[in-house]
Protein backbone atom coordinates (compact mmCIF):
# COMPACT_ATOMS: atom_id res chain seq x y z
CA MET A 1 58.87 129.71 51.09
CA LYS A 2 56.67 132.45 52.29
CA PHE A 3 53.71 130.42 51.94
CA TYR A 4 54.95 127.79 54.46
CA PHE A 5 56.12 130.21 56.69
CA ASN A 6 52.79 131.86 56.91
CA LEU A 7 51.34 128.50 57.16
CA ALA A 8 53.43 127.73 59.69
CA VAL A 9 52.51 130.96 61.76
CA LEU A 10 48.42 129.71 61.10
CA ILE A 11 49.01 126.90 62.77
CA LEU A 12 50.81 128.31 65.67
CA MET A 13 48.13 130.46 66.22
CA ASP A 14 45.82 127.71 66.12
CA LEU A 15 48.03 125.86 68.96
CA ILE A 16 48.23 129.09 70.74
CA MET A 17 44.19 129.84 70.81
CA ALA A 18 43.76 126.12 72.00
CA MET A 19 46.33 126.56 74.91
CA SER A 20 44.94 129.82 75.52
CA ALA A 21 41.64 128.59 75.93
CA ARG A 22 42.68 125.93 78.29
CA MET A 23 44.46 128.07 80.47
CA ALA A 24 41.70 130.18 80.99
CA HIS A 25 39.49 127.42 81.62
CA ASN A 26 41.98 126.00 84.47
CA THR A 27 42.78 129.19 85.91
CA GLY A 28 39.57 131.29 85.66
CA ASN A 29 42.08 133.91 83.98
CA ASN A 30 40.27 135.87 81.20
CA TRP A 31 43.35 137.41 79.85
CA TYR A 32 44.08 134.03 78.52
CA LEU A 33 40.66 134.27 76.62
CA VAL A 34 41.82 137.60 75.15
CA ILE A 35 44.97 135.76 73.92
CA SER A 36 42.57 133.09 72.43
CA ILE A 37 40.54 135.61 70.61
CA GLY A 38 43.50 137.61 69.36
CA ALA A 39 45.02 134.26 67.96
CA ILE A 40 42.06 133.04 66.39
CA CYS A 41 41.51 136.31 64.52
CA PHE A 42 45.07 136.56 63.33
CA ALA A 43 44.75 132.77 62.07
CA GLY A 44 41.43 134.14 59.98
CA TYR A 45 43.56 136.76 58.54
CA LEU A 46 46.72 134.55 57.41
CA PHE A 47 43.76 132.10 56.40
CA ILE A 48 42.19 134.64 53.72
CA LYS A 49 45.92 135.74 52.66
CA LEU A 50 47.39 132.07 52.43
CA LEU A 51 43.92 131.67 49.75
CA ASN A 52 45.91 132.99 46.96
CA ASN A 53 48.43 130.29 47.22
CA LYS A 54 46.02 127.08 47.57
CA ILE A 55 42.25 126.07 47.02
CA THR A 56 39.98 126.30 50.02
CA ALA A 57 40.21 122.41 50.52
CA VAL A 58 43.82 121.54 50.18
CA LEU A 59 44.73 124.78 52.89
CA ASN A 60 41.82 124.02 55.31
CA LEU A 61 43.01 120.03 55.72
CA ILE A 62 46.58 121.36 56.23
CA TRP A 63 45.69 123.69 58.79
CA ILE A 64 43.28 121.66 60.72
CA GLY A 65 45.17 118.45 60.31
CA CYS A 66 48.47 119.84 61.58
CA GLY A 67 46.64 121.67 64.25
CA THR A 68 44.62 118.88 65.55
CA VAL A 69 47.88 116.72 65.90
CA LEU A 70 49.82 119.82 67.44
CA ILE A 71 47.11 120.59 69.93
CA THR A 72 46.85 116.83 70.98
CA LEU A 73 50.59 116.45 71.47
CA ALA A 74 50.49 119.69 73.29
CA GLY A 75 47.82 118.77 75.71
CA TYR A 76 49.66 115.68 76.38
CA PHE A 77 53.01 117.23 77.12
CA ILE A 78 51.56 120.26 78.89
CA PHE A 79 48.47 119.39 80.60
CA GLY A 80 49.06 115.94 81.10
CA GLU A 81 45.84 114.55 78.92
CA LYS A 82 46.03 110.77 78.03
CA LEU A 83 47.05 110.16 74.62
CA THR A 84 45.23 106.41 73.26
CA TYR A 85 46.39 104.50 70.55
CA THR A 86 43.27 105.38 68.78
CA GLN A 87 44.78 109.05 68.71
CA GLY A 88 48.06 107.76 68.14
CA ALA A 89 46.75 105.83 64.69
CA GLY A 90 44.65 109.11 63.94
CA MET A 91 47.50 111.09 63.88
CA LEU A 92 49.32 109.00 61.49
CA LEU A 93 46.41 108.83 59.34
CA ILE A 94 46.28 112.81 59.30
CA PHE A 95 49.97 112.72 58.55
CA GLY A 96 49.31 110.39 56.04
CA GLY A 97 46.52 112.06 54.32
CA LEU A 98 48.12 115.53 54.28
CA ILE A 99 51.16 114.00 52.72
CA MET A 100 48.64 112.63 49.73
CA MET A 101 47.07 116.00 49.24
CA GLU A 102 50.54 117.79 49.02
CA VAL A 103 51.60 115.03 46.67
CA PHE A 104 48.53 115.05 44.71
CA ALA A 105 48.28 118.91 45.17
CA GLU A 106 48.94 120.10 41.61
CA GLU A 107 46.26 117.60 40.39
CA THR A 108 43.82 118.93 42.86
CA GLU A 109 44.44 122.79 42.19
CA ALA A 110 44.18 122.22 38.53
CA ALA A 111 40.94 120.71 38.99
CA GLY A 112 39.86 123.47 41.22
CA ALA A 113 40.84 126.02 38.80
CA LEU A 114 38.75 124.06 36.11
CA ASN A 115 35.95 123.94 37.95
CA SER A 116 36.35 127.64 38.79
CA ASP A 117 36.61 128.45 34.89
CA VAL A 118 33.47 126.37 34.07
CA ILE A 119 31.54 128.40 36.80
CA GLU A 120 32.83 131.71 35.29
CA MET A 121 31.83 130.43 31.96
CA GLU A 122 28.33 129.56 32.88
CA SER A 123 27.62 132.81 34.77
CA ALA A 124 28.68 134.85 31.62
CA GLU A 125 26.22 132.99 29.43
CA LYS A 126 23.09 133.78 31.78
CA PRO A 127 21.55 137.13 30.89
CA LEU A 128 21.15 139.66 33.29
CA ILE A 129 17.30 139.82 33.00
């Protein structure tokens, strides 16, 4: 449960970063840029913390996929940006891919663990000199 809370905060930081950067661009107020930098730094910290629970590829896909969808929707509702049918279809594909990644996450994580075991075994066999 803590994992999903931290993941939600990570995605929220991504959204805050993008919206603050947009506000900095629109208004010329650099304080929005400071907020944007702070949000992305905190997001990086959370990403590193969350790596204890998921392999990098799965975690990164969840973060980027959900962040992209939320940023697109926020741009549409807050800034009045256009949302095309192609973008809508792309967001549906992102959600479909995320669902597939989560459904098969155990297999993916098991494969990642096996690959890391192989790498550790190979490096243990090599002589130092």
